[in-house]
C-alpha atoms as a PDB file:
ATOM      1  CA  MET A   1      21.045   8.781   6.247  1.00  0.00           C
ATOM      2  CA  ASP A   2      19.620   7.376   9.519  1.00  0.00           C
ATOM      3  CA  ASN A   3      15.985   8.105   8.678  1.00  0.00           C
ATOM      4  CA  ASP A   4      15.797   6.147   5.424  1.00  0.00           C
ATOM      5  CA  ILE A   5      12.406   4.738   4.495  1.00  0.00           C
ATOM      6  CA  PRO A   6      12.726   0.949   4.923  1.00  0.00           C
ATOM      7  CA  LYS A   7      12.295  -1.329   1.966  1.00  0.00           C
ATOM      8  CA  ILE A   8      10.135  -3.975   3.637  1.00  0.00           C
ATOM      9  CA  ASP A   9       9.706  -3.148   7.304  1.00  0.00           C
ATOM     10  CA  LEU A  10      11.001  -0.678   9.868  1.00  0.00           C
ATOM     11  CA  PRO A  11      13.997  -1.649  12.011  1.00  0.00           C
ATOM     12  CA  GLU A  12      12.460   0.183  14.980  1.00  0.00           C
ATOM     13  CA  ASP A  13       8.976   0.968  16.317  1.00  0.00           C
ATOM     14  CA  TRP A  14       8.710   4.479  14.881  1.00  0.00           C
ATOM     15  CA  ILE A  15      10.622   6.542  12.373  1.00  0.00           C
ATOM     16  CA  ILE A  16      10.184   9.932  10.733  1.00  0.00           C
ATOM     17  CA  GLY A  17      12.213  11.813   8.161  1.00  0.00           C
ATOM     18  CA  LYS A  18      12.314  14.207   5.264  1.00  0.00           C
ATOM     19  CA  LEU A  19      13.492  13.555   1.730  1.00  0.00           C
ATOM     20  CA  THR A  20      14.707  16.228  -0.647  1.00  0.00           C
ATOM     21  CA  LYS A  21      16.080  16.161  -4.183  1.00  0.00           C
ATOM     22  CA  SER A  22      19.573  15.214  -2.966  1.00  0.00           C
ATOM     23  CA  GLU A  23      18.224  11.988  -1.445  1.00  0.00           C
ATOM     24  CA  ILE A  24      16.027  11.023  -4.384  1.00  0.00           C
ATOM     25  CA  GLY A  25      18.123   7.914  -5.007  1.00  0.00           C
ATOM     26  CA  LEU A  26      16.511   6.316  -1.949  1.00  0.00           C
ATOM     27  CA  LEU A  27      13.266   5.954  -3.892  1.00  0.00           C
ATOM     28  CA  ASN A  28      15.062   3.658  -6.331  1.00  0.00           C
ATOM     29  CA  LEU A  29      14.454   0.953  -3.706  1.00  0.00           C
ATOM     30  CA  TYR A  30      10.874   0.952  -4.937  1.00  0.00           C
ATOM     31  CA  ALA A  31      11.558   1.323  -8.661  1.00  0.00           C
ATOM     32  CA  ASN A  32      11.847  -1.298 -11.430  1.00  0.00           C
ATOM     33  CA  TYR A  33       9.871  -3.938  -9.555  1.00  0.00           C
ATOM     34  CA  PRO A  34       7.105  -3.987  -6.914  1.00  0.00           C
ATOM     35  CA  CYS A  35       7.859  -4.566  -3.244  1.00  0.00           C
ATOM     36  CA  ARG A  36       5.595  -5.350  -0.324  1.00  0.00           C
ATOM     37  CA  LEU A  37       5.658  -3.138   2.750  1.00  0.00           C
ATOM     38  CA  LYS A  38       4.926  -4.492   6.202  1.00  0.00           C
ATOM     39  CA  ALA A  39       5.000  -1.138   7.983  1.00  0.00           C
ATOM     40  CA  GLU A  40       2.390   1.615   8.126  1.00  0.00           C
ATOM     41  CA  ILE A  41       3.747   4.643   6.247  1.00  0.00           C
ATOM     42  CA  PHE A  42       2.332   8.189   6.006  1.00  0.00           C
ATOM     43  CA  VAL A  43       3.730  10.607   3.412  1.00  0.00           C
ATOM     44  CA  LEU A  44       3.194  14.332   2.844  1.00  0.00           C
ATOM     45  CA  CYS A  45       4.353  15.627  -0.555  1.00  0.00           C
ATOM     46  CA  LEU A  46       5.382  19.290  -0.492  1.00  0.00           C
ATOM     47  CA  GLN A  47       7.212  19.578  -3.823  1.00  0.00           C
ATOM     48  CA  GLY A  48       7.856  17.459  -6.887  1.00  0.00           C
ATOM     49  CA  ASP A  49       5.742  14.921  -8.749  1.00  0.00           C
ATOM     50  CA  LEU A  50       5.723  11.146  -8.438  1.00  0.00           C
ATOM     51  CA  GLU A  51       3.976   8.405 -10.338  1.00  0.00           C
ATOM     52  CA  ALA A  52       3.483   5.163  -8.442  1.00  0.00           C
ATOM     53  CA  SER A  53       1.225   2.142  -8.168  1.00  0.00           C
ATOM     54  CA  ILE A  54      -0.386   1.074  -4.902  1.00  0.00           C
ATOM     55  CA  ASP A  55      -1.937  -2.400  -5.022  1.00  0.00           C
ATOM     56  CA  LEU A  56      -2.290  -2.429  -8.822  1.00  0.00           C
ATOM     57  CA  THR A  57      -3.741   1.080  -9.143  1.00  0.00           C
ATOM     58  CA  ARG A  58      -1.533   3.769 -10.683  1.00  0.00           C
ATOM     59  CA  TYR A  59      -1.508   7.228  -9.088  1.00  0.00           C
ATOM     60  CA  LYS A  60       0.033  10.639  -9.729  1.00  0.00           C
ATOM     61  CA  VAL A  61       1.305  12.291  -6.555  1.00  0.00           C
ATOM     62  CA  ARG A  62       1.444  16.071  -6.648  1.00  0.00           C
ATOM     63  CA  PRO A  63       2.388  18.771  -4.124  1.00  0.00           C
ATOM     64  CA  GLY A  64      -0.246  18.836  -1.390  1.00  0.00           C
ATOM     65  CA  SER A  65      -0.887  15.086  -1.568  1.00  0.00           C
ATOM     66  CA  PHE A  66      -1.132  13.010   1.582  1.00  0.00           C
ATOM     67  CA  ILE A  67      -0.511   9.261   1.220  1.00  0.00           C
ATOM     68  CA  THR A  68      -1.401   6.401   3.531  1.00  0.00           C
ATOM     69  CA  ILE A  69       0.437   3.147   2.797  1.00  0.00           C
ATOM     70  CA  GLN A  70      -0.965   0.318   4.892  1.00  0.00           C
ATOM     71  CA  PRO A  71       0.763  -2.881   6.022  1.00  0.00           C
ATOM     72  CA  GLY A  72       0.677  -5.454   3.248  1.00  0.00           C
ATOM     73  CA  THR A  73       0.585  -2.849   0.481  1.00  0.00           C
ATOM     74  CA  ILE A  74       2.473  -3.606  -2.726  1.00  0.00           C
ATOM     75  CA  LEU A  75       4.220  -0.460  -3.914  1.00  0.00           C
ATOM     76  CA  GLN A  76       6.142   0.503  -7.024  1.00  0.00           C
ATOM     77  CA  ILE A  77       7.455   3.922  -8.053  1.00  0.00           C
ATOM     78  CA  TYR A  78       7.729   4.623 -11.784  1.00  0.00           C
ATOM     79  CA  ARG A  79       8.762   8.252 -12.065  1.00  0.00           C
ATOM     80  CA  VAL A  80       9.957  11.170  -9.941  1.00  0.00           C
ATOM     81  CA  GLU A  81      10.139  14.708 -11.336  1.00  0.00           C
ATOM     82  CA  GLY A  82      10.884  18.186 -10.016  1.00  0.00           C
ATOM     83  CA  ASP A  83      12.511  19.330  -6.795  1.00  0.00           C
ATOM     84  CA  LEU A  84      11.273  16.550  -4.575  1.00  0.00           C
ATOM     85  CA  GLU A  85      10.433  17.371  -0.970  1.00  0.00           C
ATOM     86  CA  ILE A  86       8.432  14.922   1.150  1.00  0.00           C
ATOM     87  CA  TYR A  87       7.948  14.095   4.802  1.00  0.00           C
ATOM     88  CA  PHE A  88       7.455  10.482   5.787  1.00  0.00           C
ATOM     89  CA  MET A  89       6.495   8.803   9.039  1.00  0.00           C
ATOM     90  CA  GLY A  90       6.158   5.101   9.738  1.00  0.00           C
ATOM     91  CA  PHE A  91       5.349   2.535  12.400  1.00  0.00           C
ATOM     92  CA  SER A  92       6.775  -0.978  12.234  1.00  0.00           C
ATOM     93  CA  SER A  93       4.576  -4.024  11.659  1.00  0.00           C
ATOM     94  CA  ASN A  94       5.601  -5.367  15.050  1.00  0.00           C
ATOM     95  CA  PHE A  95       4.507  -2.164  16.793  1.00  0.00           C
ATOM     96  CA  ILE A  96       1.239  -1.986  14.815  1.00  0.00           C
ATOM     97  CA  ASN A  97       0.411  -5.597  15.654  1.00  0.00           C
ATOM     98  CA  GLN A  98       0.968  -4.970  19.363  1.00  0.00           C
ATOM     99  CA  SER A  99      -1.119  -1.811  19.422  1.00  0.00           C
ATOM    100  CA  ASN A 100      -4.791  -1.859  20.325  1.00  0.00           C
ATOM    101  CA  LEU A 101      -6.409  -0.232  17.308  1.00  0.00           C
ATOM    102  CA  ASN A 102      -9.700   1.510  18.055  1.00  0.00           C
ATOM    103  CA  LYS A 103     -12.693   1.757  15.727  1.00  0.00           C
ATOM    104  CA  MET A 104     -11.477   5.090  14.346  1.00  0.00           C
ATOM    105  CA  ALA A 105      -8.237   3.447  13.204  1.00  0.00           C
ATOM    106  CA  VAL A 106     -10.139   0.578  11.599  1.00  0.00           C
ATOM    107  CA  ASP A 107     -12.450   3.030   9.781  1.00  0.00           C
ATOM    108  CA  MET A 108      -9.442   5.033   8.598  1.00  0.00           C
ATOM    109  CA  HIS A 109      -7.785   1.914   7.224  1.00  0.00           C
ATOM    110  CA  TYR A 110     -10.954   0.968   5.349  1.00  0.00           C
ATOM    111  CA  ALA A 111     -11.257   4.436   3.795  1.00  0.00           C
ATOM    112  CA  ALA A 112      -7.563   4.622   2.927  1.00  0.00           C
ATOM    113  CA  LYS A 113      -7.710   1.244   1.201  1.00  0.00           C
ATOM    114  CA  ASP A 114     -10.004   2.747  -1.434  1.00  0.00           C
ATOM    115  CA  THR A 115      -8.379   6.183  -1.446  1.00  0.00           C
ATOM    116  CA  PRO A 116      -4.733   5.922  -0.367  1.00  0.00           C
ATOM    117  CA  ILE A 117      -3.942   9.385  -1.762  1.00  0.00           C
ATOM    118  CA  ILE A 118      -5.891  12.547  -0.974  1.00  0.00           C
ATOM    119  CA  GLU A 119      -5.116  16.068  -2.154  1.00  0.00           C
ATOM    120  CA  LEU A 120      -5.249  18.781   0.492  1.00  0.00           C
ATOM    121  CA  LYS A 121      -5.769  22.514   0.367  1.00  0.00           C
ATOM    122  CA  GLU A 122      -3.053  24.997   1.270  1.00  0.00           C
ATOM    123  CA  LYS A 123      -3.925  25.509   4.959  1.00  0.00           C
ATOM    124  CA  PRO A 124      -4.111  21.798   5.900  1.00  0.00           C
ATOM    125  CA  VAL A 125      -0.798  21.248   4.107  1.00  0.00           C
ATOM    126  CA  GLU A 126       0.808  24.039   6.141  1.00  0.00           C
ATOM    127  CA  LEU A 127      -0.536  22.552   9.374  1.00  0.00           C
ATOM    128  CA  LEU A 128       0.726  19.085   8.480  1.00  0.00           C
ATOM    129  CA  GLU A 129       4.111  20.458   7.492  1.00  0.00           C
ATOM    130  CA  ASP A 130       4.415  22.104  10.922  1.00  0.00           C
ATOM    131  CA  TYR A 131       3.281  18.867  12.592  1.00  0.00           C
ATOM    132  CA  PHE A 132       5.804  16.697  10.714  1.00  0.00           C
ATOM    133  CA  SER A 133       8.542  19.247  11.418  1.00  0.00           C
ATOM    134  CA  LEU A 134       7.771  19.164  15.149  1.00  0.00           C
ATOM    135  CA  LEU A 135       7.703  15.365  15.218  1.00  0.00           C
ATOM    136  CA  LEU A 136      11.016  15.222  13.334  1.00  0.00           C
ATOM    137  CA  LYS A 137      12.623  17.498  15.942  1.00  0.00           C
ATOM    138  CA  THR A 138      11.112  15.335  18.686  1.00  0.00           C
ATOM    139  CA  TYR A 139      12.499  12.215  17.036  1.00  0.00           C
ATOM    140  CA  ASN A 140      15.992  13.676  16.738  1.00  0.00           C
ATOM    141  CA  THR A 141      16.169  15.019  20.295  1.00  0.00           C
ATOM    142  CA  CYS A 142      13.964  12.777  22.453  1.00  0.00           C
ATOM    143  CA  LYS A 143      14.053   9.405  20.706  1.00  0.00           C
ATOM    144  CA  PRO A 144      15.547   7.441  23.676  1.00  0.00           C
ATOM    145  CA  ALA A 145      12.786   8.731  25.973  1.00  0.00           C
ATOM    146  CA  LEU A 146       9.935   7.720  23.648  1.00  0.00           C
ATOM    147  CA  ASN A 147       8.718   4.472  25.197  1.00  0.00           C
ATOM    148  CA  LYS A 148       5.922   2.278  23.795  1.00  0.00           C
ATOM    149  CA  HIS A 149       3.289   3.963  25.979  1.00  0.00           C
ATOM    150  CA  ILE A 150       4.126   7.389  24.524  1.00  0.00           C
ATOM    151  CA  LEU A 151       4.291   5.962  20.992  1.00  0.00           C
ATOM    152  CA  ASN A 152       0.856   4.382  21.425  1.00  0.00           C
ATOM    153  CA  HIS A 153      -0.561   7.828  22.172  1.00  0.00           C
ATOM    154  CA  LEU A 154       1.310   9.252  19.185  1.00  0.00           C
ATOM    155  CA  LEU A 155      -0.062   6.529  16.900  1.00  0.00           C
ATOM    156  CA  SER A 156      -3.598   7.121  18.194  1.00  0.00           C
ATOM    157  CA  GLY A 157      -3.238  10.848  17.558  1.00  0.00           C
ATOM    158  CA  VAL A 158      -1.966  10.262  14.024  1.00  0.00           C
ATOM    159  CA  PHE A 159      -4.841   7.874  13.275  1.00  0.00           C
ATOM    160  CA  MET A 160      -7.336  10.392  14.655  1.00  0.00           C
ATOM    161  CA  GLY A 161      -6.000  13.194  12.452  1.00  0.00           C
ATOM    162  CA  VAL A 162      -5.740  11.054   9.333  1.00  0.00           C
ATOM    163  CA  SER A 163      -9.211   9.618   9.944  1.00  0.00           C
ATOM    164  CA  ALA A 164     -10.655  13.145  10.118  1.00  0.00           C
ATOM    165  CA  MET A 165      -8.967  14.079   6.823  1.00  0.00           C
ATOM    166  CA  TYR A 166     -10.259  10.976   5.064  1.00  0.00           C
ATOM    167  CA  LYS A 167     -13.748  11.409   6.451  1.00  0.00           C
ATOM    168  CA  ASP A 168     -13.859  14.938   5.082  1.00  0.00           C
ATOM    169  CA  LYS A 169     -12.572  13.917   1.663  1.00  0.00           C
ATOM    170  CA  VAL A 170     -14.259  10.556   1.160  1.00  0.00           C
ATOM    171  CA  GLU A 171     -17.722  11.537   2.381  1.00  0.00           C
ATOM    172  CA  SER A 172     -17.857  14.340  -0.165  1.00  0.00           C
ATOM    173  CA  LYS A 173     -17.780  11.794  -3.002  1.00  0.00           C
ATOM    174  CA  THR A 174     -20.951  10.815  -4.795  1.00  0.00           C
ATOM    175  CA  ASN A 175     -22.615   7.558  -3.809  1.00  0.00           C
ATOM    176  CA  LEU A 176     -21.565   4.475  -5.716  1.00  0.00           C
ATOM    177  CA  SER A 177     -24.022   2.676  -7.960  1.00  0.00           C
ATOM    178  CA  LYS A 178     -24.979  -0.865  -7.002  1.00  0.00           C
ATOM    179  CA  ALA A 179     -22.700  -2.268  -9.718  1.00  0.00           C
ATOM    180  CA  GLU A 180     -19.767  -0.127  -8.557  1.00  0.00           C
ATOM    181  CA  GLN A 181     -20.320  -1.252  -4.967  1.00  0.00           C
ATOM    182  CA  ILE A 182     -20.295  -4.921  -6.006  1.00  0.00           C
ATOM    183  CA  SER A 183     -17.112  -4.345  -8.005  1.00  0.00           C
ATOM    184  CA  LYS A 184     -15.545  -2.571  -5.030  1.00  0.00           C
ATOM    185  CA  ASN A 185     -16.502  -5.421  -2.698  1.00  0.00           C
ATOM    186  CA  PHE A 186     -15.037  -7.922  -5.160  1.00  0.00           C
ATOM    187  CA  ASN A 187     -11.735  -6.050  -5.178  1.00  0.00           C
ATOM    188  CA  HIS A 188     -11.685  -5.990  -1.377  1.00  0.00           C
ATOM    189  CA  LEU A 189     -12.246  -9.747  -1.284  1.00  0.00           C
ATOM    190  CA  VAL A 190      -9.493 -10.341  -3.838  1.00  0.00           C
ATOM    191  CA  MET A 191      -7.047  -8.255  -1.795  1.00  0.00           C
ATOM    192  CA  GLN A 192      -7.851 -10.342   1.281  1.00  0.00           C
ATOM    193  CA  ASN A 193      -7.973 -13.786  -0.322  1.00  0.00           C
ATOM    194  CA  TYR A 194      -5.949 -13.928  -3.566  1.00  0.00           C
ATOM    195  CA  THR A 195      -3.205 -16.013  -1.919  1.00  0.00           C
ATOM    196  CA  THR A 196      -5.658 -18.839  -1.301  1.00  0.00           C
ATOM    197  CA  GLN A 197      -8.579 -18.317  -3.713  1.00  0.00           C
ATOM    198  CA  ARG A 198      -8.386 -17.891  -7.490  1.00  0.00           C
ATOM    199  CA  SER A 199     -11.865 -19.156  -8.381  1.00  0.00           C
ATOM    200  CA  VAL A 200     -14.390 -16.599  -9.650  1.00  0.00           C
ATOM    201  CA  ALA A 201     -17.159 -18.873  -8.364  1.00  0.00           C
ATOM    202  CA  TRP A 202     -15.777 -18.622  -4.814  1.00  0.00           C
ATOM    203  CA  TYR A 203     -15.888 -14.806  -4.900  1.00  0.00           C
ATOM    204  CA  ALA A 204     -19.358 -14.790  -6.474  1.00  0.00           C
ATOM    205  CA  LYS A 205     -20.670 -17.066  -3.705  1.00  0.00           C
ATOM    206  CA  LYS A 206     -19.199 -14.739  -1.068  1.00  0.00           C
ATOM    207  CA  LEU A 207     -21.001 -11.813  -2.712  1.00  0.00           C
ATOM    208  CA  GLY A 208     -24.267 -13.716  -3.082  1.00  0.00           C
ATOM    209  CA  ILE A 209     -24.474 -13.512  -6.879  1.00  0.00           C
ATOM    210  CA  THR A 210     -23.780 -15.834  -9.803  1.00  0.00           C
ATOM    211  CA  PRO A 211     -20.302 -16.009 -11.377  1.00  0.00           C
ATOM    212  CA  ALA A 212     -21.746 -14.802 -14.694  1.00  0.00           C
ATOM    213  CA  HIS A 213     -23.359 -11.760 -13.054  1.00  0.00           C
ATOM    214  CA  LEU A 214     -20.160 -10.924 -11.168  1.00  0.00           C
ATOM    215  CA  SER A 215     -18.073 -11.242 -14.325  1.00  0.00           C
ATOM    216  CA  THR A 216     -20.411  -8.927 -16.238  1.00  0.00           C
ATOM    217  CA  ILE A 217     -20.415  -6.260 -13.511  1.00  0.00           C
ATOM    218  CA  VAL A 218     -16.639  -6.297 -13.021  1.00  0.00           C
ATOM    219  CA  LYS A 219     -15.999  -6.083 -16.769  1.00  0.00           C
ATOM    220  CA  GLN A 220     -18.439  -3.167 -17.127  1.00  0.00           C
ATOM    221  CA  THR A 221     -17.033  -1.179 -14.184  1.00  0.00           C
ATOM    222  CA  THR A 222     -13.299  -1.885 -14.512  1.00  0.00           C
ATOM    223  CA  ASP A 223     -12.842  -2.990 -18.137  1.00  0.00           C
ATOM    224  CA  LYS A 224     -11.032  -6.029 -16.728  1.00  0.00           C
ATOM    225  CA  THR A 225     -12.198  -9.580 -16.176  1.00  0.00           C
ATOM    226  CA  CYS A 226     -12.388 -11.117 -12.703  1.00  0.00           C
ATOM    227  CA  VAL A 227      -9.610 -13.521 -13.630  1.00  0.00           C
ATOM    228  CA  GLU A 228      -7.386 -10.663 -14.810  1.00  0.00           C
ATOM    229  CA  ILE A 229      -7.807  -8.855 -11.482  1.00  0.00           C
ATOM    230  CA  ILE A 230      -7.095 -11.983  -9.435  1.00  0.00           C
ATOM    231  CA  THR A 231      -4.128 -12.907 -11.620  1.00  0.00           C
ATOM    232  CA  SER A 232      -2.684  -9.388 -11.428  1.00  0.00           C
ATOM    233  CA  MET A 233      -2.597  -9.575  -7.628  1.00  0.00           C
ATOM    234  CA  VAL A 234      -1.018 -13.041  -7.621  1.00  0.00           C
ATOM    235  CA  ILE A 235       1.648 -12.033 -10.149  1.00  0.00           C
ATOM    236  CA  MET A 236       2.389  -8.739  -8.401  1.00  0.00           C
ATOM    237  CA  ASP A 237       2.862 -10.537  -5.096  1.00  0.00           C
ATOM    238  CA  ALA A 238       5.081 -13.139  -6.761  1.00  0.00           C
ATOM    239  CA  LYS A 239       7.211 -10.422  -8.373  1.00  0.00           C
ATOM    240  CA  ALA A 240       7.530  -8.610  -5.060  1.00  0.00           C
ATOM    241  CA  GLN A 241       8.694 -11.749  -3.270  1.00  0.00           C
ATOM    242  CA  LEU A 242      11.104 -12.736  -6.038  1.00  0.00           C
ATOM    243  CA  LYS A 243      12.815  -9.356  -6.060  1.00  0.00           C
ATOM    244  CA  SER A 244      12.466  -8.209  -2.447  1.00  0.00           C
ATOM    245  CA  THR A 245      13.083 -11.410  -0.469  1.00  0.00           C
ATOM    246  CA  ASP A 246      15.511 -14.328  -0.362  1.00  0.00           C
ATOM    247  CA  LEU A 247      12.718 -16.897  -0.172  1.00  0.00           C
ATOM    248  CA  SER A 248      13.132 -19.923  -2.408  1.00  0.00           C
ATOM    249  CA  ILE A 249      10.862 -20.226  -5.421  1.00  0.00           C
ATOM    250  CA  HIS A 250       9.351 -23.292  -3.756  1.00  0.00           C
ATOM    251  CA  ASP A 251       8.455 -21.238  -0.658  1.00  0.00           C
ATOM    252  CA  ILE A 252       7.011 -18.417  -2.782  1.00  0.00           C
ATOM    253  CA  ALA A 253       4.880 -20.903  -4.712  1.00  0.00           C
ATOM    254  CA  TYR A 254       3.692 -22.387  -1.406  1.00  0.00           C
ATOM    255  CA  SER A 255       2.845 -18.931   0.016  1.00  0.00           C
ATOM    256  CA  LEU A 256       0.617 -18.294  -3.007  1.00  0.00           C
ATOM    257  CA  ASN A 257      -1.141 -21.668  -2.655  1.00  0.00           C
ATOM    258  CA  PHE A 258       0.280 -23.372  -5.743  1.00  0.00           C
ATOM    259  CA  THR A 259       0.272 -27.157  -5.463  1.00  0.00           C
ATOM    260  CA  ASN A 260       3.842 -27.438  -6.726  1.00  0.00           C
ATOM    261  CA  MET A 261       6.727 -25.347  -8.033  1.00  0.00           C
ATOM    262  CA  SER A 262       6.255 -26.580 -11.605  1.00  0.00           C
ATOM    263  CA  PHE A 263       2.656 -25.330 -11.753  1.00  0.00           C
ATOM    264  CA  PHE A 264       3.730 -21.989 -10.287  1.00  0.00           C
ATOM    265  CA  GLY A 265       6.550 -21.687 -12.849  1.00  0.00           C
ATOM    266  CA  LYS A 266       4.214 -22.307 -15.780  1.00  0.00           C
ATOM    267  CA  TYR A 267       1.606 -19.885 -14.375  1.00  0.00           C
ATOM    268  CA  PHE A 268       4.217 -17.170 -13.847  1.00  0.00           C
ATOM    269  CA  LYS A 269       5.796 -17.614 -17.289  1.00  0.00           C
ATOM    270  CA  ARG A 270       2.400 -17.541 -19.009  1.00  0.00           C
ATOM    271  CA  HIS A 271       1.631 -14.125 -17.525  1.00  0.00           C
ATOM    272  CA  VAL A 272       5.097 -12.556 -17.321  1.00  0.00           C
ATOM    273  CA  GLY A 273       6.851 -14.019 -20.347  1.00  0.00           C
ATOM    274  CA  MET A 274       9.723 -15.555 -18.370  1.00  0.00           C
ATOM    275  CA  GLY A 275      10.154 -18.035 -15.547  1.00  0.00           C
ATOM    276  CA  PRO A 276      10.441 -17.051 -11.864  1.00  0.00           C
ATOM    277  CA  LEU A 277      14.196 -17.665 -11.664  1.00  0.00           C
ATOM    278  CA  GLU A 278      14.860 -15.714 -14.859  1.00  0.00           C
ATOM    279  CA  TYR A 279      12.752 -12.838 -13.516  1.00  0.00           C
ATOM    280  CA  ARG A 280      14.585 -12.888 -10.177  1.00  0.00           C
ATOM    281  CA  ASN A 281      17.955 -12.672 -11.957  1.00  0.00           C
ATOM    282  CA  SER A 282      16.854 -10.056 -14.495  1.00  0.00           C
END
């Protein structure tokens, strides 16, 4: 199948396709262990049910769900049921990095980070299905003529539409309490800095509160400790690299800011129950 969803990144600037029950095996690329995506992927679920985690949070994807998977996202699929039918569209990391993202795109990315999956009503789903269908036909018939200038306009149009959907859905939510906002900001900081910072005090200083106050708020709002959240991101990234790349364990330890491979090995085994090499070969 030429339009397979890539495991890590896209081999070309833009790709679009449709998966049905007969191609369900493709999703096994994302099962059993987490993997990190470099591309920007948009998914429309028409039929079937999926259960997946996006950056530590577990979600149920139902018919009518629209999913935004941003570059750097760690994804794992746990379960697929029913007569699966999904559209997917993606832009490579190289193309995204070369594009000039406007404020609307930045706002969309911020909203989608908190709410990567939104459930749509029947009419919007029908419109999106028609849109994906048209783009798929365009891809199959005009692909050689789609230069970067045209793709930039396409990407801008996609961001504009997705931004409008997220604005409509996210703004209808109730306002967060002060504690929930602090917890949310902490999670954002962890996502951005876990590869270099594992100190609760560092995050508390960034948020302008004491470590004790931050720990209390995070525990109350998430039922997890700050250390557990930081550790979960580090371990998930390590698992993704061990299973999805050919990097040496030394290089993976270095990428996660461990002073040496021995320290990384002990840290990984303490939280996973086996060493990095054993996990890679499991």
